[in-house]
């Protein structure tokens, strides 16, 4: 029999209730930058990394060393080119201790 628990709420608060190294799989699709501002308040691409790092830090804390993390994210086009926020996020998360292993397109 599986043992699972459902948390409902803002992840920046709910993650605090999860024990270290206790999650096998995390799949997340955080709000895209400059999208759904009425729902999420809208995070600017230039502020996205700073906004997501406290959450990714809690995700890293709760993920088992043998666990898997899947992040579904896409950068917006700004002035006709892709914004580099996803690249900046990857580098910042590596500084937190995440391993960069795969990219799915």
Protein backbone atom coordinates (compact mmCIF):
# COMPACT_ATOMS: atom_id res chain seq x y z
CA UNK A 1 0.00 0.00 0.00
CA UNK A 2 1.29 3.44 -0.91
CA UNK A 3 1.77 6.16 1.65
CA UNK A 4 0.96 9.62 0.35
CA UNK A 5 -0.19 12.99 1.57
CA UNK A 6 -1.84 15.85 -0.29
CA UNK A 7 -0.94 19.45 0.51
CA UNK A 8 -3.14 22.27 -0.73
CA UNK A 9 -1.85 25.83 -0.59
CA UNK A 10 0.97 28.12 -1.59
CA UNK A 11 4.06 25.98 -2.11
CA UNK A 12 6.31 28.60 -0.50
CA UNK A 13 4.41 27.93 2.74
CA UNK A 14 3.40 24.27 2.36
CA UNK A 15 6.95 23.09 1.58
CA UNK A 16 7.94 24.09 5.11
CA UNK A 17 5.69 21.25 6.38
CA UNK A 18 7.53 18.54 4.45
CA UNK A 19 10.44 16.65 6.00
CA UNK A 20 13.95 16.75 4.57
CA UNK A 21 14.82 14.04 2.03
CA UNK A 22 11.29 12.63 1.98
CA UNK A 23 10.05 13.12 -1.61
CA UNK A 24 10.78 10.70 -4.48
CA UNK A 25 9.43 12.77 -7.38
CA UNK A 26 8.70 16.46 -7.86
CA UNK A 27 7.01 17.62 -11.07
CA UNK A 28 6.25 21.32 -11.24
CA UNK A 29 5.20 23.92 -13.77
CA UNK A 30 5.58 27.27 -12.06
CA UNK A 31 3.90 30.34 -13.53
CA UNK A 32 5.58 31.56 -16.67
CA UNK A 33 7.10 35.03 -16.49
CA UNK A 34 4.70 37.85 -17.38
CA UNK A 35 1.78 35.41 -17.66
CA UNK A 36 -1.46 35.15 -15.69
CA UNK A 37 -0.80 38.34 -13.77
CA UNK A 38 -4.38 38.34 -12.48
CA UNK A 39 -3.83 34.91 -10.86
CA UNK A 40 -0.16 34.93 -9.85
CA UNK A 41 0.72 38.60 -9.74
CA UNK A 42 2.94 38.28 -12.78
CA UNK A 43 6.68 37.83 -12.29
CA UNK A 44 8.92 39.83 -14.61
CA UNK A 45 11.58 37.83 -16.49
CA UNK A 46 14.30 39.95 -14.88
CA UNK A 47 12.98 38.99 -11.40
CA UNK A 48 12.09 35.35 -12.10
CA UNK A 49 15.28 33.69 -10.84
CA UNK A 50 15.17 35.64 -7.58
CA UNK A 51 11.49 34.73 -7.21
CA UNK A 52 11.95 30.98 -7.82
CA UNK A 53 15.18 30.32 -5.89
CA UNK A 54 13.60 30.25 -2.40
CA UNK A 55 11.09 27.69 -3.69
CA UNK A 56 13.73 25.57 -5.45
CA UNK A 57 15.78 25.61 -2.26
CA UNK A 58 12.87 24.04 -0.35
CA UNK A 59 12.31 21.54 -3.17
CA UNK A 60 15.95 20.50 -2.98
CA UNK A 61 15.70 20.11 0.79
CA UNK A 62 12.67 17.84 0.56
CA UNK A 63 13.81 15.72 -2.41
CA UNK A 64 15.50 12.43 -1.58
CA UNK A 65 19.08 12.08 -2.86
CA UNK A 66 17.76 9.35 -5.17
CA UNK A 67 14.74 11.44 -6.18
CA UNK A 68 13.84 13.06 -9.49
CA UNK A 69 12.90 16.68 -10.17
CA UNK A 70 11.11 17.79 -13.35
CA UNK A 71 10.72 21.51 -14.04
CA UNK A 72 8.45 22.58 -16.89
CA UNK A 73 9.40 26.13 -17.81
CA UNK A 74 9.66 28.35 -20.86
CA UNK A 75 11.19 31.73 -21.28
CA UNK A 76 9.20 34.55 -22.90
CA UNK A 77 10.22 36.45 -25.99
CA UNK A 78 11.36 39.97 -25.15
CA UNK A 79 12.14 42.43 -27.93
CA UNK A 80 12.12 39.68 -30.54
CA UNK A 81 14.41 37.18 -28.79
CA UNK A 82 14.16 34.57 -26.07
CA UNK A 83 14.88 35.96 -22.63
CA UNK A 84 17.82 34.26 -20.88
CA UNK A 85 16.00 33.79 -17.56
CA UNK A 86 15.85 29.99 -17.95
CA UNK A 87 19.61 29.84 -18.54
CA UNK A 88 20.14 32.09 -15.52
CA UNK A 89 17.83 29.88 -13.47
CA UNK A 90 19.72 26.72 -14.44
CA UNK A 91 23.02 28.28 -13.36
CA UNK A 92 21.55 29.62 -10.11
CA UNK A 93 19.98 26.26 -9.26
CA UNK A 94 23.31 24.53 -9.88
CA UNK A 95 24.80 26.92 -7.31
CA UNK A 96 22.09 25.70 -4.89
CA UNK A 97 23.25 22.13 -5.40
CA UNK A 98 20.97 20.89 -8.19
CA UNK A 99 22.40 18.69 -10.92
CA UNK A 100 21.69 19.66 -14.55
CA UNK A 101 21.12 16.35 -16.30
CA UNK A 102 18.46 16.59 -19.02
CA UNK A 103 16.56 19.05 -21.18
CA UNK A 104 13.32 18.09 -22.89
CA UNK A 105 11.99 20.09 -25.79
